[in-house]
Amino acid sequence: MTTPLRIGMVAGEPSGDVLAAGMVAELKRKYPDAIIEGIGGPHMIEQGFHSLFDMETLSVMGLVEVLSHLPAILKVKKQLLKHFEQHPPDIFIGIDAPDFNLRVEKTLKARGIKTIHYVSPTVWAWREKRVHKIAKAVNRVLGLFPFEQQVYDKYRVPYTFVGHTMADAIALVPDKDKARTALELPLNAPILAVLPGSRRGEVETLLPVFIETMEVIHAKRPDIQFVIPAANQHRLTQINAILASHNDAASRLPILVTSGSAREAMISSDVILLASGTATLEAMLCKRPMVAAYKLAPLTYKIMQRLYKAPYFTLPNLLANEAIIPELLQEEVNAENMSNQVLNFFESDNSALISRFTDLHHTLKCNADETAAKAVVEELFA
């Protein structure tokens, strides 16, 4: 009797969960008896993944912000490595979350286990020499964006561009009416989707100023309706609590709060206001004009000002290599700025921007799930 293939995997946040789910499905299709386990979210679990810990523990962003969560994160890391020592995987795949996964990968690689990191750390934007650390930790990097290849080639680190699973899943021309019908939104009303982030800290920081922005917009354009999709049940509870505490904005503004329907909310909208991150890529693929915002802890921001070398921080601008969407940071993230930018999109012809989004969509549409799974299998049997 053949021993089933054992694959270790860790996704540290909702975007990684979505990214890995298709790869898990492809690996399960190739190897139905494979044991795929580690840390993941509901999308991975739905495809047959076994999560040993709650992914929420790892879902922390920022250099300074992570410190208060460090004891819990280190405890999970210790327990995870102990599990993999007792049940060694044939290969381990870390999905994004480089601060956690690269440490796990380095330990496992030293034990003779093959390792892959899926989603390149932002070596093209800051701390390029991290490539040496990555090379020590992994056998191969699977990357989402074509501009990453040159950095890895420069340092002779095995790299495979796989495209992005969302580019395969989202239609080149998304169906707005279908999305509105699914969310029971009016077909003809102007709609702003508001996405304050998938992490607890992001929502805590951004949602209050997003609410202020909605209030300004509502005063100028009372016909605009708002939809706020929560990334998961944790965020749904948090969003409702913040809305209720913010002068009862939930009852004064025309807001629909939904759970687990971010993509439908984006497609249903005319314009999107959102936290910078993977969601900006999804909004681009949904072909919706957007205003991206982010606020870091002051110390984190000062550190990043010194280290970050890329001209932009949102994925659409990085992919286009020019400022095709507004990106606001720190003090720029205020109700006046954001409401002006949002209302400008409502009142403009955005067809040229949508055309640019479509061109970028084509560059990322590479059958990512199958390509990533194929690269894993190649590395496994190399």
Protein backbone atom coordinates (compact mmCIF):
# COMPACT_ATOMS: atom_id res chain seq x y z
CA MET A 1 0.00 0.00 0.00
CA THR A 2 1.44 3.38 -1.05
CA THR A 3 1.80 6.03 1.65
CA PRO A 4 -0.35 9.07 0.76
CA LEU A 5 1.41 12.26 -0.23
CA ARG A 6 1.70 14.69 2.67
CA ILE A 7 1.77 18.44 1.92
CA GLY A 8 2.27 21.14 4.55
CA MET A 9 0.80 24.56 3.86
CA VAL A 10 0.34 27.87 5.71
CA ALA A 11 -1.77 30.85 4.62
CA GLY A 12 -1.68 33.77 7.02
CA GLU A 13 -4.64 35.88 5.93
CA PRO A 14 -7.86 35.86 3.84
CA SER A 15 -6.13 36.81 0.56
CA GLY A 16 -3.72 33.87 0.98
CA ASP A 17 -6.65 31.58 1.76
CA VAL A 18 -8.31 32.53 -1.55
CA LEU A 19 -5.03 32.21 -3.42
CA ALA A 20 -4.21 28.77 -2.04
CA ALA A 21 -7.70 27.26 -2.31
CA GLY A 22 -7.50 26.71 -6.07
CA MET A 23 -4.04 25.17 -5.77
CA VAL A 24 -5.31 22.84 -3.02
CA ALA A 25 -8.17 21.80 -5.32
CA GLU A 26 -5.74 21.08 -8.18
CA LEU A 27 -3.41 19.08 -5.93
CA LYS A 28 -6.37 17.11 -4.57
CA ARG A 29 -7.49 16.44 -8.14
CA LYS A 30 -4.06 15.04 -8.99
CA TYR A 31 -3.63 13.22 -5.65
CA PRO A 32 -7.07 12.54 -4.09
CA ASP A 33 -5.55 10.76 -1.06
CA ALA A 34 -3.04 13.52 -0.29
CA ILE A 35 -3.01 14.88 3.25
CA ILE A 36 -2.79 18.68 2.97
CA GLU A 37 -2.57 20.37 6.36
CA GLY A 38 -1.21 23.34 8.28
CA ILE A 39 -2.91 26.72 8.67
CA GLY A 40 -5.58 28.02 6.33
CA GLY A 41 -8.99 29.57 6.04
CA PRO A 42 -12.49 28.55 4.94
CA HIS A 43 -11.78 28.50 1.18
CA MET A 44 -8.88 26.07 1.62
CA ILE A 45 -10.83 23.95 4.10
CA GLU A 46 -13.69 23.70 1.60
CA GLN A 47 -11.25 22.07 -0.85
CA GLY A 48 -10.18 19.37 1.62
CA PHE A 49 -7.46 21.21 3.57
CA HIS A 50 -7.04 20.43 7.29
CA SER A 51 -6.27 23.54 9.36
CA LEU A 52 -4.52 22.89 12.64
CA PHE A 53 -4.87 26.47 13.94
CA ASP A 54 -7.12 29.51 13.42
CA MET A 55 -5.71 31.62 10.61
CA GLU A 56 -6.85 34.78 12.42
CA THR A 57 -3.85 34.43 14.79
CA LEU A 58 -1.44 35.25 11.96
CA SER A 59 -3.53 37.97 10.30
CA VAL A 60 -1.55 40.97 11.56
CA MET A 61 0.02 43.73 9.42
CA GLY A 62 2.85 46.15 10.15
CA LEU A 63 6.33 46.24 11.66
CA VAL A 64 5.29 47.66 15.02
CA GLU A 65 1.69 46.40 15.14
CA VAL A 66 2.76 42.75 15.23
CA LEU A 67 4.59 43.11 18.56
CA SER A 68 1.52 42.75 20.80
CA HIS A 69 0.52 39.59 18.92
CA LEU A 70 4.01 38.08 18.95
CA PRO A 71 3.58 35.65 21.89
CA ALA A 72 0.53 34.01 20.27
CA ILE A 73 2.24 33.88 16.86
CA LEU A 74 5.41 32.31 18.30
CA LYS A 75 3.33 29.73 20.18
CA VAL A 76 1.57 28.71 16.97
CA LYS A 77 4.91 28.51 15.12
CA LYS A 78 6.39 26.24 17.81
CA GLN A 79 3.36 23.93 17.81
CA LEU A 80 3.24 23.83 14.02
CA LEU A 81 6.92 22.88 13.72
CA LYS A 82 6.46 20.21 16.36
CA HIS A 83 3.54 18.77 14.37
CA PHE A 84 5.62 18.74 11.18
CA GLU A 85 8.48 17.10 13.07
CA GLN A 86 6.14 14.29 14.12
CA HIS A 87 4.41 14.19 10.71
CA PRO A 88 6.99 15.40 8.15
CA PRO A 89 5.46 16.69 4.90
CA ASP A 90 6.90 15.66 1.55
CA ILE A 91 6.85 19.34 0.63
CA PHE A 92 5.86 22.57 2.40
CA ILE A 93 4.24 25.61 0.75
CA GLY A 94 4.11 28.94 2.55
CA ILE A 95 1.52 31.28 1.06
CA ASP A 96 2.51 34.93 1.53
CA ALA A 97 2.94 35.93 5.25
CA PRO A 98 6.75 36.03 4.74
CA ASP A 99 7.68 37.01 8.30
CA PHE A 100 6.08 33.79 9.56
CA ASN A 101 6.47 31.46 6.61
CA LEU A 102 10.11 32.10 5.72
CA ARG A 103 11.12 31.12 9.27
CA VAL A 104 9.05 27.95 9.07
CA GLU A 105 10.43 27.20 5.60
CA LYS A 106 14.04 27.69 6.70
CA THR A 107 13.59 25.26 9.61
CA LEU A 108 11.87 22.65 7.45
CA LYS A 109 14.41 22.98 4.62
CA ALA A 110 17.20 22.39 7.14
CA ARG A 111 15.40 19.13 8.05
CA GLY A 112 15.60 18.06 4.41
CA ILE A 113 12.03 18.97 3.46
CA LYS A 114 11.47 20.70 0.12
CA THR A 115 9.92 24.14 0.49
CA ILE A 116 8.11 26.59 -1.79
CA HIS A 117 7.07 30.16 -1.09
CA TYR A 118 3.93 31.23 -2.97
CA VAL A 119 3.70 35.04 -3.43
CA SER A 120 7.00 36.83 -3.61
CA PRO A 121 7.86 39.14 -0.72
CA THR A 122 8.13 42.72 -1.99
CA VAL A 123 11.86 42.52 -2.69
CA TRP A 124 11.28 44.75 -5.74
CA ALA A 125 10.01 47.52 -3.44
CA TRP A 126 12.20 47.38 -0.36
CA ARG A 127 15.07 45.33 1.14
CA GLU A 128 16.04 43.63 -2.11
CA LYS A 129 18.82 41.72 -0.34
CA ARG A 130 16.10 39.67 1.39
CA VAL A 131 16.42 37.51 -1.72
CA HIS A 132 19.43 35.85 -0.03
CA LYS A 133 17.30 34.98 3.00
CA ILE A 134 14.58 33.65 0.72
CA ALA A 135 17.10 31.50 -1.16
CA LYS A 136 18.21 29.90 2.10
CA ALA A 137 14.63 29.15 3.11
CA VAL A 138 13.04 27.85 -0.10
CA ASN A 139 13.70 25.72 -3.16
CA ARG A 140 11.44 27.83 -5.38
CA VAL A 141 9.33 31.00 -5.36
CA LEU A 142 5.95 31.11 -7.11
CA GLY A 143 5.13 34.68 -8.09
CA LEU A 144 2.00 36.53 -9.10
CA PHE A 145 3.41 39.41 -11.12
CA PRO A 146 5.64 39.46 -14.22
CA PHE A 147 7.85 42.32 -12.99
CA GLU A 148 9.22 40.12 -10.16
CA GLN A 149 11.08 37.73 -12.48
CA GLN A 150 14.05 40.06 -13.08
CA VAL A 151 14.90 40.35 -9.37
CA TYR A 152 15.05 36.58 -8.89
CA ASP A 153 16.95 36.06 -12.14
CA LYS A 154 19.49 38.65 -10.96
CA TYR A 155 20.22 36.53 -7.86
CA ARG A 156 19.72 33.17 -9.62
CA VAL A 157 16.89 32.09 -7.34
CA PRO A 158 14.39 29.64 -8.93
CA TYR A 159 11.21 31.57 -9.70
CA THR A 160 8.02 30.66 -11.55
CA PHE A 161 5.51 33.30 -12.66
CA VAL A 162 2.06 31.71 -12.29
CA GLY A 163 -0.26 34.70 -12.72
CA HIS A 164 -3.12 35.27 -10.31
CA THR A 165 -6.02 32.94 -9.58
CA MET A 166 -8.39 35.92 -9.35
CA ALA A 167 -7.54 36.89 -12.93
CA ASP A 168 -8.78 33.45 -14.01
CA ALA A 169 -11.88 33.53 -11.80
CA ILE A 170 -13.15 37.03 -12.60
CA ALA A 171 -14.79 37.67 -15.98
CA LEU A 172 -13.16 40.20 -18.28
CA VAL A 173 -16.54 41.97 -18.29
CA PRO A 174 -18.17 41.37 -14.87
CA ASP A 175 -21.97 41.31 -14.66
CA LYS A 176 -23.03 44.27 -12.49
CA ASP A 177 -26.78 43.53 -12.64
CA LYS A 178 -26.25 39.92 -11.57
CA ALA A 179 -24.13 41.03 -8.59
CA ARG A 180 -26.70 43.62 -7.55
CA THR A 181 -29.50 41.09 -7.79
CA ALA A 182 -27.54 38.63 -5.63
CA LEU A 183 -27.04 41.30 -2.95
CA GLU A 184 -30.61 42.63 -3.34
CA LEU A 185 -29.31 46.06 -4.33
CA PRO A 186 -31.24 48.40 -6.67
CA LEU A 187 -30.22 48.03 -10.31
CA ASN A 188 -30.20 51.73 -11.14
CA ALA A 189 -28.85 53.44 -7.99
CA PRO A 190 -25.26 54.76 -7.87
CA ILE A 191 -23.34 52.51 -5.46
CA LEU A 192 -20.05 52.92 -3.61
CA ALA A 193 -18.42 49.76 -2.26
CA VAL A 194 -16.42 50.43 0.92
CA LEU A 195 -13.77 47.90 1.96
CA PRO A 196 -11.85 48.87 5.12
CA GLY A 197 -9.59 45.79 5.06
CA SER A 198 -9.53 42.15 6.08
CA ARG A 199 -7.40 42.53 9.22
CA ARG A 200 -8.64 43.67 12.62
CA GLY A 201 -6.14 46.55 12.83
CA GLU A 202 -6.96 47.83 9.34
CA VAL A 203 -10.68 47.99 10.06
CA GLU A 204 -10.10 49.66 13.42
CA THR A 205 -7.93 52.33 11.77
CA LEU A 206 -9.70 52.92 8.47
CA LEU A 207 -13.42 52.33 9.01
CA PRO A 208 -14.00 55.43 11.20
CA VAL A 209 -12.51 57.75 8.55
CA PHE A 210 -14.32 55.83 5.81
CA ILE A 211 -17.59 56.48 7.70
CA GLU A 212 -16.76 60.20 7.83
CA THR A 213 -16.12 60.05 4.09
CA MET A 214 -19.48 58.38 3.47
CA GLU A 215 -21.18 61.10 5.50
CA VAL A 216 -19.58 63.84 3.35
CA ILE A 217 -20.52 61.98 0.17
CA HIS A 218 -24.09 61.45 1.39
CA ALA A 219 -24.46 65.17 2.14
CA LYS A 220 -23.43 66.03 -1.43
CA ARG A 221 -24.99 63.06 -3.23
CA PRO A 222 -27.84 61.56 -1.14
CA ASP A 223 -28.69 59.21 -4.05
CA ILE A 224 -25.46 57.21 -3.59
CA GLN A 225 -25.86 53.97 -1.66
CA PHE A 226 -23.09 52.15 0.20
CA VAL A 227 -22.21 48.48 0.57
CA ILE A 228 -19.60 47.24 3.04
CA PRO A 229 -18.57 43.57 2.66
CA ALA A 230 -16.98 41.98 5.73
CA ALA A 231 -14.06 39.63 5.00
CA ASN A 232 -15.22 37.10 7.62
CA GLN A 233 -17.38 36.75 10.73
CA HIS A 234 -14.75 38.43 12.93
CA ARG A 235 -14.77 41.52 10.69
CA LEU A 236 -18.58 41.50 10.39
CA THR A 237 -18.93 41.79 14.18
CA GLN A 238 -16.25 44.49 14.28
CA ILE A 239 -17.74 46.53 11.42
CA ASN A 240 -21.23 46.48 12.94
CA ALA A 241 -19.84 47.55 16.33
CA ILE A 242 -17.92 50.50 14.82
CA LEU A 243 -20.92 51.61 12.78
CA ALA A 244 -23.14 51.48 15.86
CA SER A 245 -20.67 53.53 17.91
CA HIS A 246 -20.10 56.16 15.23
CA ASN A 247 -23.12 58.40 15.89
CA ASP A 248 -25.27 55.50 14.74
CA ALA A 249 -24.12 55.84 11.13
CA ALA A 250 -25.70 52.45 10.43
CA SER A 251 -29.18 53.94 10.74
CA ARG A 252 -28.49 57.36 9.21
CA LEU A 253 -26.66 56.30 6.06
CA PRO A 254 -27.97 53.96 3.30
CA ILE A 255 -25.47 51.18 4.10
CA LEU A 256 -25.75 47.46 3.40
CA VAL A 257 -23.26 45.38 5.41
CA THR A 258 -22.70 41.91 3.96
CA SER A 259 -20.60 38.91 4.96
CA GLY A 260 -18.23 37.03 2.65
CA SER A 261 -19.29 38.75 -0.56
CA ALA A 262 -16.48 41.23 -1.28
CA ARG A 263 -16.24 40.38 -4.97
CA GLU A 264 -19.99 40.67 -5.52
CA ALA A 265 -19.96 43.98 -3.66
CA MET A 266 -17.14 45.26 -5.88
CA ILE A 267 -18.83 44.14 -9.10
CA SER A 268 -22.16 45.60 -7.95
CA SER A 269 -20.57 49.00 -7.36
CA ASP A 270 -19.82 51.96 -9.61
CA VAL A 271 -16.80 53.09 -7.56
CA ILE A 272 -14.81 51.52 -4.72
CA LEU A 273 -13.17 53.06 -1.62
CA LEU A 274 -10.81 50.55 -0.07
CA ALA A 275 -7.79 49.71 2.02
CA SER A 276 -4.65 49.21 -0.04
CA GLY A 277 -3.66 45.58 -0.44
CA THR A 278 -4.77 42.58 -2.46
CA ALA A 279 -8.27 44.08 -2.62
CA THR A 280 -6.97 46.75 -5.03
CA LEU A 281 -5.98 43.99 -7.45
CA GLU A 282 -9.42 42.41 -7.13
CA ALA A 283 -11.08 45.79 -7.69
CA MET A 284 -8.95 46.27 -10.82
CA LEU A 285 -9.99 42.83 -12.12
CA CYS A 286 -13.62 43.75 -11.39
CA LYS A 287 -13.01 46.84 -13.62
CA ARG A 288 -14.17 49.37 -11.06
CA PRO A 289 -12.60 52.81 -10.48
CA MET A 290 -11.16 52.96 -6.98
CA VAL A 291 -9.61 55.17 -4.34
CA ALA A 292 -7.07 53.29 -2.22
CA ALA A 293 -6.04 54.40 1.26
CA TYR A 294 -3.78 53.17 4.02
CA LYS A 295 -2.61 54.30 7.46
CA LEU A 296 0.35 52.77 9.26
CA ALA A 297 1.44 53.16 12.86
CA PRO A 298 3.62 56.32 12.99
CA LEU A 299 6.83 54.42 13.76
CA THR A 300 6.13 51.85 11.03
CA TYR A 301 5.53 54.69 8.58
CA LYS A 302 8.84 56.38 9.47
CA ILE A 303 10.71 53.10 8.99
CA MET A 304 8.97 52.39 5.68
CA GLN A 305 9.71 55.91 4.40
CA ARG A 306 13.40 55.04 4.65
CA LEU A 307 13.17 51.51 3.26
CA TYR A 308 10.46 51.56 0.58
CA LYS A 309 11.86 52.38 -2.87
CA ALA A 310 8.99 51.63 -5.30
CA PRO A 311 7.20 54.72 -6.70
CA TYR A 312 3.73 53.35 -5.82
CA PHE A 313 2.20 51.12 -3.15
CA THR A 314 -1.02 49.90 -4.81
CA LEU A 315 -0.93 46.89 -7.12
CA PRO A 316 -2.74 48.50 -10.08
CA ASN A 317 -0.20 51.35 -10.14
CA LEU A 318 2.73 48.97 -9.71
CA LEU A 319 1.48 46.75 -12.55
CA ALA A 320 0.85 49.75 -14.80
CA ASN A 321 4.09 51.45 -13.68
CA GLU A 322 2.17 54.72 -13.44
CA ALA A 323 -0.44 56.34 -11.19
CA ILE A 324 -3.67 55.13 -12.78
CA ILE A 325 -5.61 55.19 -9.47
CA PRO A 326 -5.43 57.60 -6.51
CA GLU A 327 -3.46 56.18 -3.57
CA LEU A 328 -3.64 58.04 -0.25
CA LEU A 329 -1.35 57.48 2.73
CA GLN A 330 -1.27 58.68 6.35
CA GLU A 331 -2.44 62.34 6.64
CA GLU A 332 -3.87 62.19 3.11
CA VAL A 333 -6.41 59.68 4.42
CA ASN A 334 -9.15 62.10 5.42
CA ALA A 335 -12.81 62.59 4.55
CA GLU A 336 -12.25 65.66 2.36
CA ASN A 337 -9.59 64.02 0.17
CA MET A 338 -11.36 60.72 -0.19
CA SER A 339 -14.83 62.14 -0.82
CA ASN A 340 -13.45 64.44 -3.54
CA GLN A 341 -11.66 61.56 -5.27
CA VAL A 342 -14.68 59.25 -5.01
CA LEU A 343 -17.14 61.86 -6.29
CA ASN A 344 -14.80 62.69 -9.16
CA PHE A 345 -15.09 59.08 -10.36
CA PHE A 346 -18.89 59.20 -10.09
CA GLU A 347 -18.94 62.29 -12.28
CA SER A 348 -16.30 61.26 -14.87
CA ASP A 349 -16.04 59.08 -17.95
CA ASN A 350 -13.88 56.20 -16.68
CA SER A 351 -13.74 54.17 -19.90
CA ALA A 352 -10.00 54.74 -20.49
CA LEU A 353 -9.21 53.52 -16.98
CA ILE A 354 -11.42 50.43 -17.43
CA SER A 355 -9.64 49.67 -20.71
CA ARG A 356 -6.28 49.85 -18.91
CA PHE A 357 -7.58 47.52 -16.19
CA THR A 358 -8.64 45.04 -18.89
CA ASP A 359 -5.17 45.08 -20.49
CA LEU A 360 -3.58 44.37 -17.09
CA HIS A 361 -6.13 41.60 -16.47
CA HIS A 362 -4.91 39.79 -19.60
CA THR A 363 -1.28 39.82 -18.35
CA LEU A 364 -2.27 38.01 -15.12
CA LYS A 365 -4.66 35.47 -16.67
CA CYS A 366 -2.37 32.40 -16.76
CA ASN A 367 -4.43 29.52 -15.30
CA ALA A 368 -2.69 30.16 -11.97
CA ASP A 369 -4.10 27.29 -9.89
CA GLU A 370 -3.01 24.63 -12.38
CA THR A 371 0.33 26.35 -13.08
CA ALA A 372 1.10 26.63 -9.36
CA ALA A 373 0.12 23.01 -8.67
CA LYS A 374 2.25 21.85 -11.62
CA ALA A 375 5.26 23.76 -10.23
CA VAL A 376 4.73 22.11 -6.81
CA VAL A 377 4.65 18.65 -8.38
CA GLU A 378 7.77 19.41 -10.46
CA GLU A 379 9.64 20.52 -7.33
CA LEU A 380 8.36 17.55 -5.37
CA PHE A 381 9.77 15.05 -7.85
CA ALA A 382 12.83 17.02 -9.00
